Amino acid sequence: MNKIVPISLLFFFLGTVSLFAQVKEETVLVAKDSTTLEEIDPLTPAKAAFYSAILPGLGQAYNKKYWKIPLVYGAIGTSLYFYIDNNNKYRDYRNAYKRRLEGYNDDKFEYLDDSRLVAGQKFYQRNRDLSALFVVGFYVLNIIDANVDAALIQFNVNERLSMRPEIYPNDVTFKPNVGLTFNYRF
């Protein structure tokens, strides 16, 4: 009986050691994707462009870029002001020249001869046409800005993607080289 107790104690200790070894838990780390994909509406850029075509600045409001609205109206309004001002001055010079051809000399340009009146007409006509081109150009630029901004809002941009300029010396000539570094952190 003395031999049975140590053998049973030996099996007891071996069993408990193996039991403790099997109780050890393993931890498994699960990586979740932190970027959630939002639904992309392909008509958003077209809606923004349509709204800007109807009323300048409305597409910027649709994109929630309210700070651009005063820029749109400032650019179009300034160009429109210069168009109206140059058109009025062009008509003044043209009417004065027409009156000179009819034989009257009682206009506000009495100090100018006929060739100066023709030169003034051409000058203000050219500036009026350029101002009209600027009005149309800023109007179209307003539409393009709303369209592009609405398209770019839908891109998934996160902090893991970065781009920065880098200046480094050339190994041979030691002159500075300029380059761009693209980084993507996982």
Protein backbone atom coordinates (compact mmCIF):
# COMPACT_ATOMS: atom_id res chain seq x y z
CA MET A 1 0.00 0.00 0.00
CA ASN A 2 2.93 2.27 0.53
CA LYS A 3 3.79 1.97 -3.13
CA ILE A 4 0.30 2.88 -4.28
CA VAL A 5 0.21 6.25 -2.51
CA PRO A 6 3.35 7.70 -4.14
CA ILE A 7 2.28 6.44 -7.56
CA SER A 8 -1.17 7.91 -7.11
CA LEU A 9 0.36 11.17 -5.92
CA LEU A 10 2.61 11.17 -8.98
CA PHE A 11 -0.39 10.71 -11.30
CA PHE A 12 -2.30 13.42 -9.38
CA PHE A 13 0.48 16.00 -9.82
CA LEU A 14 1.01 15.10 -13.46
CA GLY A 15 -2.73 15.42 -14.09
CA THR A 16 -3.01 18.78 -12.40
CA VAL A 17 0.02 20.14 -14.23
CA SER A 18 -1.42 19.09 -17.54
CA LEU A 19 -4.79 20.54 -16.52
CA PHE A 20 -3.21 23.88 -15.72
CA ALA A 21 -1.32 23.86 -18.99
CA GLN A 22 -4.54 23.33 -20.91
CA VAL A 23 -6.38 26.13 -19.12
CA LYS A 24 -4.13 28.78 -20.66
CA GLU A 25 -6.22 30.96 -22.96
CA GLU A 26 -5.06 32.24 -26.30
CA THR A 27 -5.95 35.79 -27.33
CA VAL A 28 -6.72 36.47 -30.94
CA LEU A 29 -6.53 40.04 -32.24
CA VAL A 30 -9.01 40.93 -34.92
CA ALA A 31 -8.25 44.01 -37.02
CA LYS A 32 -11.28 45.98 -38.06
CA ASP A 33 -11.35 48.20 -41.10
CA SER A 34 -11.64 51.72 -39.76
CA THR A 35 -12.69 53.17 -43.10
CA THR A 36 -16.35 52.87 -43.81
CA LEU A 37 -17.43 53.19 -47.38
CA GLU A 38 -20.21 55.66 -47.96
CA GLU A 39 -22.67 55.29 -50.75
CA ILE A 40 -21.60 57.18 -53.86
CA ASP A 41 -24.28 59.10 -55.73
CA PRO A 42 -23.14 59.47 -59.36
CA LEU A 43 -25.65 62.28 -59.98
CA THR A 44 -24.29 64.60 -57.28
CA PRO A 45 -21.81 66.40 -59.61
CA ALA A 46 -24.52 66.84 -62.26
CA LYS A 47 -26.94 68.26 -59.68
CA ALA A 48 -24.34 70.73 -58.41
CA ALA A 49 -23.51 71.85 -61.96
CA PHE A 50 -27.21 72.22 -62.79
CA TYR A 51 -27.84 74.30 -59.68
CA SER A 52 -24.88 76.56 -60.50
CA ALA A 53 -26.13 76.96 -64.06
CA ILE A 54 -29.57 78.04 -62.81
CA LEU A 55 -28.24 80.49 -60.20
CA PRO A 56 -24.51 81.16 -59.79
CA GLY A 57 -23.36 80.08 -56.34
CA LEU A 58 -26.24 77.66 -55.76
CA GLY A 59 -24.05 74.68 -56.65
CA GLN A 60 -21.49 75.82 -54.09
CA ALA A 61 -24.28 76.00 -51.49
CA TYR A 62 -25.37 72.47 -52.50
CA ASN A 63 -21.79 71.30 -51.86
CA LYS A 64 -21.81 73.16 -48.52
CA LYS A 65 -18.88 75.36 -49.60
CA TYR A 66 -20.54 78.59 -48.55
CA TRP A 67 -17.30 80.57 -48.50
CA LYS A 68 -17.08 80.31 -52.30
CA ILE A 69 -20.39 82.10 -52.93
CA PRO A 70 -19.03 85.64 -52.33
CA LEU A 71 -16.10 84.84 -54.63
CA VAL A 72 -18.47 83.76 -57.40
CA TYR A 73 -20.62 86.86 -57.08
CA GLY A 74 -17.59 89.11 -56.69
CA ALA A 75 -15.98 87.81 -59.89
CA ILE A 76 -19.16 87.86 -61.98
CA GLY A 77 -20.33 91.18 -60.50
CA THR A 78 -17.02 92.95 -61.07
CA SER A 79 -16.84 91.75 -64.65
CA LEU A 80 -20.45 92.79 -65.21
CA TYR A 81 -19.75 96.25 -63.73
CA PHE A 82 -16.82 96.76 -66.14
CA TYR A 83 -18.97 95.54 -69.04
CA ILE A 84 -21.68 98.09 -68.28
CA ASP A 85 -19.19 100.90 -67.66
CA ASN A 86 -17.25 100.24 -70.88
CA ASN A 87 -20.48 99.91 -72.85
CA ASN A 88 -21.70 103.30 -71.57
CA LYS A 89 -18.40 104.99 -72.45
CA TYR A 90 -18.40 103.29 -75.87
CA ARG A 91 -21.90 104.66 -76.57
CA ASP A 92 -20.84 108.14 -75.42
CA TYR A 93 -17.90 108.19 -77.84
CA ARG A 94 -20.02 106.69 -80.65
CA ASN A 95 -22.84 109.19 -80.17
CA ALA A 96 -20.35 112.08 -80.04
CA TYR A 97 -18.74 110.87 -83.27
CA LYS A 98 -22.13 110.51 -84.96
CA ARG A 99 -23.06 114.05 -83.94
CA ARG A 100 -19.73 115.30 -85.32
CA LEU A 101 -20.52 113.64 -88.64
CA GLU A 102 -23.89 115.43 -88.64
CA GLY A 103 -22.11 118.75 -88.12
CA TYR A 104 -22.69 119.40 -84.39
CA ASN A 105 -19.83 120.35 -82.05
CA ASP A 106 -21.77 120.69 -78.80
CA ASP A 107 -20.88 117.33 -77.18
CA LYS A 108 -18.85 116.78 -74.01
CA PHE A 109 -15.81 115.79 -76.07
CA GLU A 110 -15.21 119.18 -77.71
CA TYR A 111 -11.49 118.98 -76.96
CA LEU A 112 -11.09 115.75 -79.05
CA ASP A 113 -10.84 115.55 -82.79
CA ASP A 114 -12.59 112.89 -84.91
CA SER A 115 -9.65 110.46 -84.93
CA ARG A 116 -9.53 110.51 -81.10
CA LEU A 117 -13.26 109.80 -80.94
CA VAL A 118 -12.81 106.78 -83.23
CA ALA A 119 -9.84 105.58 -81.12
CA GLY A 120 -11.93 105.97 -77.94
CA GLN A 121 -14.75 103.96 -79.51
CA LYS A 122 -12.38 101.14 -80.42
CA PHE A 123 -10.75 101.17 -76.98
CA TYR A 124 -14.01 100.94 -75.04
CA GLN A 125 -15.51 98.46 -77.49
CA ARG A 126 -12.51 96.16 -77.00
CA ASN A 127 -12.70 96.50 -73.20
CA ARG A 128 -16.47 95.88 -73.28
CA ASP A 129 -15.99 92.71 -75.29
CA LEU A 130 -13.25 91.49 -72.94
CA SER A 131 -15.49 92.20 -69.95
CA ALA A 132 -18.30 90.20 -71.55
CA LEU A 133 -15.84 87.35 -72.09
CA PHE A 134 -14.87 87.52 -68.41
CA VAL A 135 -18.53 87.44 -67.33
CA VAL A 136 -19.13 84.30 -69.40
CA GLY A 137 -15.80 82.80 -68.27
CA PHE A 138 -16.54 83.28 -64.57
CA TYR A 139 -20.05 81.91 -65.06
CA VAL A 140 -18.68 78.76 -66.70
CA LEU A 141 -15.93 78.52 -64.07
CA ASN A 142 -18.64 78.64 -61.39
CA ILE A 143 -20.37 75.64 -62.99
CA ILE A 144 -17.13 73.69 -63.41
CA ASP A 145 -16.11 74.41 -59.80
CA ALA A 146 -19.41 73.11 -58.44
CA ASN A 147 -19.18 69.98 -60.60
CA VAL A 148 -15.57 69.15 -59.70
CA ASP A 149 -16.07 69.92 -56.02
CA ALA A 150 -19.11 67.63 -55.84
CA ALA A 151 -17.14 64.85 -57.53
CA LEU A 152 -14.16 65.25 -55.20
CA ILE A 153 -16.29 65.22 -52.05
CA GLN A 154 -17.12 61.58 -52.72
CA PHE A 155 -13.50 60.40 -52.62
CA ASN A 156 -12.40 58.55 -49.50
CA VAL A 157 -9.46 60.52 -48.16
CA ASN A 158 -7.99 59.47 -44.84
CA GLU A 159 -5.00 60.36 -42.72
CA ARG A 160 -3.02 57.27 -43.72
CA LEU A 161 -2.31 58.61 -47.18
CA SER A 162 0.03 61.59 -47.41
CA MET A 163 2.17 63.44 -49.90
CA ARG A 164 4.89 65.93 -49.09
CA PRO A 165 7.62 67.70 -51.03
CA GLU A 166 11.18 66.73 -50.24
CA ILE A 167 14.45 68.50 -51.02
CA TYR A 168 17.57 66.34 -50.86
CA PRO A 169 21.16 66.85 -52.09
CA ASN A 170 22.45 65.10 -55.17
CA ASP A 171 25.14 62.54 -54.29
CA VAL A 172 27.52 63.66 -57.05
CA THR A 173 27.08 67.43 -57.44
CA PHE A 174 25.59 68.22 -54.00
CA LYS A 175 22.99 70.43 -55.68
CA PRO A 176 19.50 70.25 -54.21
CA ASN A 177 17.00 67.96 -55.91
CA VAL A 178 13.26 68.40 -55.50
CA GLY A 179 10.92 65.45 -55.30
CA LEU A 180 7.61 64.25 -53.91
CA THR A 181 7.23 61.55 -51.32
CA PHE A 182 4.07 59.45 -51.24
CA ASN A 183 3.39 57.60 -47.99
CA TYR A 184 0.72 55.09 -47.14
CA ARG A 185 0.53 53.80 -43.59
CA PHE A 186 -1.14 50.45 -42.96
